Structure formats: structure tokens, C-alpha cells
């Protein structure tokens, strides 16, 4: 066998060792970068859901408007809204920065005291409902329904139905930035262009 052939064989045999070395090197660099800059926060893209009690406690030191997601365990559109709209990074960021967000199971059975009044679960056929959910929804229970309260916990409006991210962005800005106090919803929609694009539901 020629000297050239022997050198070629040795170079091929060295390839696996070189590949292993590169992998170890890249792994070392990755761990170094994570140590320097930190691993990404997996919770950063999630809404900070509070209980009603937690939200009211925070209101005492930092008043904010309250966003309530009325849902039920069997509601398919509620799950779809969770997976899409309420997971959108811009929606998550705005809710966490400007609102107190509450997930409220409209069929939960625990009694709740809100604004000095006790609300109970009401059995009704195969499925009942919670009195507070009924009141928050303005007596028209459908799911999902989003409810908006002002900084005193007083109702602004309840809006039934699935909302995509651009639609919810408009609603949150309309109430959250107090446009609802000075102009109509129709006028606001003509002026405000959501950075999330066109709405698919209104």
C-alpha cells in the first residue's frame, strides 16, 4: 500500500473523533452562553392568572383594570382561545403589564364573596352555574365570555364569544386605555390598527 493511501485511510479514521470534538466544543459554548445570559424563561409567554381574591388584594396597592375569562371545562372554543389568542406573546405581555387577569370557571361550586356579597353555585339540570359568573356575564351565560372591570372592580362590559388575537387586542386597548370613556367602539375601530393584523372576529 502506498504512503498516500495510508495517509488517506488515517484521515478518514480521524473524522469520527473530529466530529465528537466539535460536538463537545459546541456543547461547551452553549452551556457557557446559558450561564452568562441565562436560560429562556418558559413562563414569560404565559398570562399570569390570578384568583379573584388575589386580584382584589393587589388592587389595594396597585389599582388596575381586571380581565376575566369566563369558561367551562367542556367548552371547545374556550380551549381554542387559550391555545391561540391567550398564548399570543403581545396579548400576554399587555395583560401582564396593564391588567389583572382572572380565569373563572362558570360552573365551579365554591362560594365566593365579591364586593361584600356572597355568590353560590346554582344546580340546574345536568349542569349548573355560579351566581357570580351569571352576574358578571350580565345574565347571559355563553362561553367563552370575557369580562372587563374598572380599577374599582365595577363592571365595564361583558363580551361573549371567541376572540382572535387582533380582536382581543383592540378590546383590551379600547378599555385599558380608557378610550371607551370618550369615543364609541365604532369610532375607535376606525382609528386603531392592531399590530397583530386584521381581525377575524368582532
Protein backbone atom coordinates (compact mmCIF):
# COMPACT_ATOMS: atom_id res chain seq x y z
CA UNK A 1 0.00 0.00 0.00
CA UNK A 2 1.36 3.43 -0.89
CA UNK A 3 2.19 6.11 1.67
CA UNK A 4 -0.55 8.30 0.12
CA UNK A 5 -3.21 5.59 0.59
CA UNK A 6 -2.22 5.00 4.21
CA UNK A 7 -2.47 8.73 4.97
CA UNK A 8 -5.95 8.85 3.35
CA UNK A 9 -7.21 5.95 5.47
CA UNK A 10 -5.86 7.55 8.63
CA UNK A 11 -7.60 10.85 7.77
CA UNK A 12 -10.96 9.07 7.36
CA UNK A 13 -10.50 7.26 10.65
CA UNK A 14 -9.89 10.61 12.31
CA UNK A 15 -13.23 12.04 11.11
CA UNK A 16 -15.42 10.49 13.86
CA UNK A 17 -13.03 11.80 16.51
CA UNK A 18 -13.15 15.26 14.92
CA UNK A 19 -16.97 15.19 14.87
CA UNK A 20 -17.10 14.21 18.56
CA UNK A 21 -14.68 17.01 19.38
CA UNK A 22 -16.86 19.56 17.54
CA UNK A 23 -20.00 18.40 19.36
CA UNK A 24 -18.26 18.68 22.72
CA UNK A 25 -16.95 22.11 21.79
CA UNK A 26 -20.40 23.37 20.73
CA UNK A 27 -21.95 21.93 23.88
CA UNK A 28 -19.37 23.70 26.00
CA UNK A 29 -20.04 27.01 24.22
CA UNK A 30 -23.82 26.58 24.64
CA UNK A 31 -23.50 25.92 28.38
CA UNK A 32 -21.19 28.92 28.68
CA UNK A 33 -23.71 31.19 26.93
CA UNK A 34 -26.57 29.92 29.09
CA UNK A 35 -24.53 30.55 32.21
CA UNK A 36 -23.71 34.06 31.01
CA UNK A 37 -27.12 35.16 29.73
CA UNK A 38 -29.48 32.73 31.47
CA UNK A 39 -31.84 30.16 30.04
CA UNK A 40 -35.02 31.47 28.43
CA UNK A 41 -37.91 31.90 30.87
CA UNK A 42 -40.56 29.36 29.87
CA UNK A 43 -43.16 31.27 31.87
CA UNK A 44 -42.52 34.55 30.07
CA UNK A 45 -45.10 33.77 27.39
CA UNK A 46 -47.90 32.86 29.77
CA UNK A 47 -50.63 35.01 31.25
CA UNK A 48 -50.27 35.43 35.00
CA UNK A 49 -53.69 34.13 36.02
CA UNK A 50 -54.88 35.24 39.45
CA UNK A 51 -57.78 34.23 41.62
CA UNK A 52 -60.42 36.88 42.23
CA UNK A 53 -59.19 37.20 45.81
CA UNK A 54 -55.57 37.72 44.68
CA UNK A 55 -56.60 40.37 42.16
CA UNK A 56 -58.62 42.30 44.73
CA UNK A 57 -55.72 42.19 47.17
CA UNK A 58 -53.37 43.63 44.56
CA UNK A 59 -55.93 46.32 43.74
CA UNK A 60 -55.41 47.73 47.24
CA UNK A 61 -51.81 48.72 46.49
CA UNK A 62 -51.81 48.94 42.67
CA UNK A 63 -55.23 49.53 41.08
CA UNK A 64 -55.61 48.06 37.61
CA UNK A 65 -58.45 47.03 35.39
CA UNK A 66 -59.49 43.38 35.62
CA UNK A 67 -59.83 40.95 32.71
CA UNK A 68 -61.94 37.86 33.44
CA UNK A 69 -62.04 34.83 31.16
CA UNK A 70 -65.32 33.01 31.86
CA UNK A 71 -65.03 29.41 30.74
CA UNK A 72 -66.18 25.85 31.38
CA UNK A 73 -64.27 22.57 31.25
CA UNK A 74 -66.36 21.29 28.32
CA UNK A 75 -66.11 24.43 26.16
CA UNK A 76 -64.13 23.73 22.99
CA UNK A 77 -63.94 27.37 21.92
CA UNK A 78 -62.54 28.25 25.36
CA UNK A 79 -59.69 25.78 24.83
CA UNK A 80 -59.07 27.15 21.36
CA UNK A 81 -58.91 30.70 22.71
CA UNK A 82 -56.43 29.57 25.38
CA UNK A 83 -54.21 27.87 22.80
CA UNK A 84 -54.20 30.75 20.31
CA UNK A 85 -55.37 34.17 21.48
CA UNK A 86 -54.34 33.96 25.13
CA UNK A 87 -50.96 32.50 24.18
CA UNK A 88 -50.10 35.28 21.74
CA UNK A 89 -46.94 37.00 23.09
CA UNK A 90 -48.28 40.54 22.57
CA UNK A 91 -51.57 39.72 24.29
CA UNK A 92 -49.72 38.02 27.16
CA UNK A 93 -47.37 40.96 27.61
CA UNK A 94 -50.15 43.57 27.62
CA UNK A 95 -52.33 41.61 30.04
CA UNK A 96 -49.43 41.01 32.44
CA UNK A 97 -48.31 44.65 32.36
CA UNK A 98 -51.61 46.52 32.40
CA UNK A 99 -54.33 44.20 33.73
CA UNK A 100 -55.08 41.68 36.43
CA UNK A 101 -56.18 38.54 34.62
CA UNK A 102 -58.58 36.02 36.16
CA UNK A 103 -59.71 32.63 34.85
CA UNK A 104 -63.15 31.87 36.21
CA UNK A 105 -64.84 28.50 35.79
CA UNK A 106 -68.50 29.45 35.43
CA UNK A 107 -69.54 26.06 36.81
CA UNK A 108 -67.30 25.98 39.87
CA UNK A 109 -69.03 25.09 43.12
CA UNK A 110 -67.05 27.03 45.71
CA UNK A 111 -68.83 30.03 47.27
CA UNK A 112 -67.16 33.38 46.51
CA UNK A 113 -67.51 36.71 48.28
CA UNK A 114 -67.10 39.69 45.94
CA UNK A 115 -67.70 43.35 46.82
CA UNK A 116 -69.26 42.31 50.12
CA UNK A 117 -71.74 39.85 48.61
CA UNK A 118 -71.61 36.04 48.71
CA UNK A 119 -72.21 34.15 45.46
CA UNK A 120 -73.07 30.45 45.30
CA UNK A 121 -73.30 27.61 42.83
CA UNK A 122 -76.78 27.05 41.42
CA UNK A 123 -77.67 23.47 40.34
CA UNK A 124 -79.58 23.47 37.06
CA UNK A 125 -80.27 20.25 35.13
CA UNK A 126 -77.14 18.31 34.21
CA UNK A 127 -75.03 21.45 34.56
CA UNK A 128 -75.34 24.31 36.98
CA UNK A 129 -73.75 27.72 37.08
CA UNK A 130 -72.13 30.05 39.54
CA UNK A 131 -74.10 33.13 40.58
CA UNK A 132 -71.05 35.35 40.17
CA UNK A 133 -70.47 34.14 36.61
CA UNK A 134 -74.14 34.85 35.84
CA UNK A 135 -73.85 38.38 37.23
CA UNK A 136 -70.51 39.12 35.53
CA UNK A 137 -71.94 37.97 32.19
CA UNK A 138 -74.95 40.25 32.60
CA UNK A 139 -77.34 37.33 32.92
CA UNK A 140 -76.41 35.88 29.51
CA UNK A 141 -74.18 32.87 30.03
CA UNK A 142 -72.26 31.69 26.97
CA UNK A 143 -68.69 30.54 26.68
CA UNK A 144 -66.17 31.88 26.35
CA UNK A 145 -67.15 35.33 27.64
CA UNK A 146 -64.58 37.97 28.51
CA UNK A 147 -65.49 40.42 31.26
CA UNK A 148 -63.87 43.79 31.86
CA UNK A 149 -63.90 45.59 35.22
CA UNK A 150 -62.52 49.02 36.05
CA UNK A 151 -59.96 49.86 38.74
CA UNK A 152 -62.68 49.78 41.43
CA UNK A 153 -63.94 46.36 40.40
CA UNK A 154 -67.06 47.82 38.79
CA UNK A 155 -68.22 46.24 35.51
CA UNK A 156 -67.36 47.92 32.23
CA UNK A 157 -68.73 45.29 29.85
CA UNK A 158 -69.05 41.57 29.21
CA UNK A 159 -68.36 40.39 25.65
CA UNK A 160 -69.42 36.87 24.64
CA UNK A 161 -67.75 34.69 22.04
CA UNK A 162 -64.36 33.55 20.83
CA UNK A 163 -61.96 36.38 20.02
CA UNK A 164 -58.83 36.05 17.93
CA UNK A 165 -55.69 37.95 18.92
CA UNK A 166 -56.26 41.10 16.79
CA UNK A 167 -59.86 41.36 18.05
CA UNK A 168 -58.88 40.96 21.69
CA UNK A 169 -56.01 43.43 21.25
CA UNK A 170 -58.49 46.08 20.10
CA UNK A 171 -60.86 45.40 23.00
CA UNK A 172 -58.06 45.47 25.59
CA UNK A 173 -56.74 48.78 24.24
CA UNK A 174 -60.25 50.28 24.00
CA UNK A 175 -60.99 49.59 27.66
CA UNK A 176 -57.44 49.52 29.03
CA UNK A 177 -56.51 52.98 27.75
CA UNK A 178 -59.91 54.49 28.59
CA UNK A 179 -60.95 55.20 25.01
CA UNK A 180 -64.39 53.86 25.94
CA UNK A 181 -64.92 56.96 28.10
CA UNK A 182 -64.54 59.41 25.23
CA UNK A 183 -65.48 57.68 21.98
CA UNK A 184 -67.64 54.94 20.56
CA UNK A 185 -66.40 51.46 19.73
CA UNK A 186 -67.14 52.09 16.05
CA UNK A 187 -65.04 55.28 16.01
CA UNK A 188 -62.19 53.58 17.86
CA UNK A 189 -62.10 50.66 15.42
CA UNK A 190 -61.80 53.10 12.52
CA UNK A 191 -58.80 54.80 14.16
CA UNK A 192 -56.89 51.95 15.80
CA UNK A 193 -54.94 49.49 13.68
CA UNK A 194 -53.83 46.45 15.66
CA UNK A 195 -50.16 45.50 15.20
CA UNK A 196 -51.43 41.91 15.14
CA UNK A 197 -53.19 42.47 11.83
CA UNK A 198 -56.77 42.23 10.67
CA UNK A 199 -59.43 40.81 12.94
CA UNK A 200 -61.22 37.62 12.08
CA UNK A 201 -63.93 38.06 14.73
CA UNK A 202 -65.53 41.16 16.19
